[in-house]
Every structure is written in C-alpha cells, then in structure tokens.
Amino acid sequence: MTNPTIGDLPLHRLRKIEIVIHAQDHQLVEDLLEASGIGGWTMIRDVAGMGHSGFHQGKTIFNDQTGLVMFVGVGQPKVIADLARGLARLFETRAGVTFLSDVEVMRSDYFARIEA
C-alpha cells in the first residue's frame, strides 16, 4: 500500500488517541503515556463537555486538579493499541473516555516511539 500525498507532499498513516479524564487522574494517564513509548502528546486543560453525569464545566475552580483534561497523542498502531489496553484497565476504576482514529501526518519522524 502506498502512502497518500497532497500534491508532491508525502503523508504517513498513523493512529491517534484522544483521552478525556478528570484532572485529578492526569498523572495516571501521563504515566501510561510515558510507559507506552509514544513520541509525545498534548494535554489540554479545562475541557468542557456533556457526558453520562451531565455537563462538565471547563473552568478550574480552585486548582488544576478539578475539571477535565484531554490528552492527544499520535503513534504507530501497535503503540496506540498497547496504550488503549492500559487505559481500558484504568477505566475499570476511573471515569474517562478514549477515542481512536486513523490520521495522516507530514512528519512521521516527529511521532516516533521513544526507546527506553
């Protein structure tokens, strides 16, 4: 299978994971991200949204341990699958959601697995 292009610009197919959790649990997810060897991620604080328990406000009230945070990471399919399995175990006792999708990136080296 060939990689897609935009004109003469090559693209590389990878997987994306988006994780929304309570801010107080952010370190648990950061630990899983680091252990997975993913090349990096973005954390967005003060995420708002509607869920099973109603609307979650996006503002922190007293500290950065309240509210919701969202992590976004991109990596090879196996890395993302392993990470998703770890999150599934975490979500047996903690609230959170995970979204997985196929993406195309311009700089595949930017998303390379970190070797321990």
Protein backbone atom coordinates (compact mmCIF):
# COMPACT_ATOMS: atom_id res chain seq x y z
CA MET A 1 0.00 0.00 0.00
CA THR A 2 1.36 3.43 -0.87
CA ASN A 3 1.26 6.42 1.41
CA PRO A 4 -1.12 9.22 0.44
CA THR A 5 0.14 12.59 -0.77
CA ILE A 6 -1.02 16.16 -1.07
CA GLY A 7 0.46 17.15 -4.40
CA ASP A 8 4.12 16.18 -4.02
CA LEU A 9 3.96 16.28 -0.20
CA PRO A 10 4.10 12.74 1.24
CA LEU A 11 1.85 11.79 4.14
CA HIS A 12 2.27 8.95 6.63
CA ARG A 13 -0.56 6.91 8.13
CA LEU A 14 -0.59 6.63 11.93
CA ARG A 15 -3.15 6.25 14.75
CA LYS A 16 -4.41 8.99 17.04
CA ILE A 17 -5.65 8.57 20.58
CA GLU A 18 -7.67 11.16 22.47
CA ILE A 19 -8.25 10.66 26.18
CA VAL A 20 -10.61 12.71 28.37
CA ILE A 21 -10.33 12.24 32.13
CA HIS A 22 -10.84 14.04 35.40
CA ALA A 23 -7.89 16.36 36.03
CA GLN A 24 -7.11 14.66 39.34
CA ASP A 25 -6.24 11.50 37.35
CA HIS A 26 -3.92 13.20 34.86
CA GLN A 27 -0.75 11.70 36.37
CA LEU A 28 -2.10 8.17 35.90
CA VAL A 29 -2.56 8.84 32.20
CA GLU A 30 0.80 10.60 31.89
CA ASP A 31 2.44 7.52 33.42
CA LEU A 32 0.72 5.28 30.87
CA LEU A 33 1.76 7.57 28.02
CA GLU A 34 5.38 7.55 29.14
CA ALA A 35 5.39 3.76 29.62
CA SER A 36 3.90 3.24 26.14
CA GLY A 37 6.88 4.87 24.46
CA ILE A 38 4.70 7.24 22.46
CA GLY A 39 6.82 10.04 20.97
CA GLY A 40 4.88 12.81 22.70
CA TRP A 41 1.44 14.12 23.46
CA THR A 42 -0.56 17.26 24.04
CA MET A 43 -2.55 17.88 27.22
CA ILE A 44 -5.42 20.35 27.05
CA ARG A 45 -6.71 21.56 30.41
CA ASP A 46 -10.18 22.85 31.25
CA VAL A 47 -12.07 20.75 28.72
CA ALA A 48 -15.86 21.14 28.84
CA GLY A 49 -18.47 18.70 27.61
CA MET A 50 -21.62 16.69 28.11
CA GLY A 51 -21.41 13.15 29.45
CA HIS A 52 -23.36 10.49 31.31
CA SER A 53 -23.29 12.51 34.52
CA GLY A 54 -24.30 15.79 32.89
CA PHE A 55 -22.39 18.84 31.72
CA HIS A 56 -18.80 19.27 32.88
CA GLN A 57 -17.66 22.87 33.19
CA GLY A 58 -14.35 23.68 31.54
CA LYS A 59 -13.02 26.03 34.20
CA THR A 60 -10.86 25.06 37.13
CA ILE A 61 -12.36 26.44 40.32
CA PHE A 62 -9.66 26.21 42.97
CA ASN A 63 -6.72 24.33 41.46
CA ASP A 64 -5.61 22.36 38.42
CA GLN A 65 -6.92 19.08 39.91
CA THR A 66 -10.57 19.93 39.18
CA GLY A 67 -12.35 19.77 35.85
CA LEU A 68 -11.44 17.67 32.85
CA VAL A 69 -8.28 17.33 30.78
CA MET A 70 -7.76 15.87 27.33
CA PHE A 71 -4.63 14.16 26.05
CA VAL A 72 -3.94 13.78 22.33
CA GLY A 73 -1.21 11.51 21.02
CA VAL A 74 -0.21 10.02 17.67
CA GLY A 75 1.86 6.92 17.07
CA GLN A 76 2.31 3.58 15.36
CA PRO A 77 -0.78 1.33 15.55
CA LYS A 78 0.85 -1.14 17.98
CA VAL A 79 1.91 1.64 20.37
CA ILE A 80 -1.60 3.13 20.37
CA ALA A 81 -3.22 -0.31 20.80
CA ASP A 82 -0.99 -1.11 23.79
CA LEU A 83 -1.81 2.28 25.30
CA ALA A 84 -5.55 1.72 24.76
CA ARG A 85 -5.32 -1.62 26.60
CA GLY A 86 -3.69 0.13 29.57
CA LEU A 87 -6.39 2.78 29.56
CA ALA A 88 -9.12 0.10 29.47
CA ARG A 89 -7.71 -1.31 32.71
CA LEU A 90 -7.54 2.19 34.23
CA PHE A 91 -11.14 2.88 33.27
CA GLU A 92 -12.30 -0.16 35.22
CA THR A 93 -11.93 2.02 38.35
CA ARG A 94 -11.74 5.60 36.99
CA ALA A 95 -14.01 7.71 34.78
CA GLY A 96 -12.77 8.56 31.32
CA VAL A 97 -13.26 8.12 27.60
CA THR A 98 -10.91 7.27 24.75
CA PHE A 99 -11.27 7.99 21.03
CA LEU A 100 -9.14 6.21 18.42
CA SER A 101 -8.81 7.23 14.80
CA ASP A 102 -6.61 6.88 11.74
CA VAL A 103 -4.66 10.00 10.80
CA GLU A 104 -2.17 11.14 8.20
CA VAL A 105 0.83 13.23 9.25
CA MET A 106 3.51 15.08 7.33
CA ARG A 107 6.43 14.41 9.69
CA SER A 108 6.36 10.76 10.71
CA ASP A 109 9.74 11.06 12.46
CA TYR A 110 8.11 13.52 14.84
CA PHE A 111 5.87 10.74 16.15
CA ALA A 112 8.48 8.01 16.51
CA ARG A 113 8.44 5.72 19.52
CA ILE A 114 10.74 6.74 22.36
CA GLU A 115 13.26 3.98 23.02
CA ALA A 116 13.91 3.33 26.71
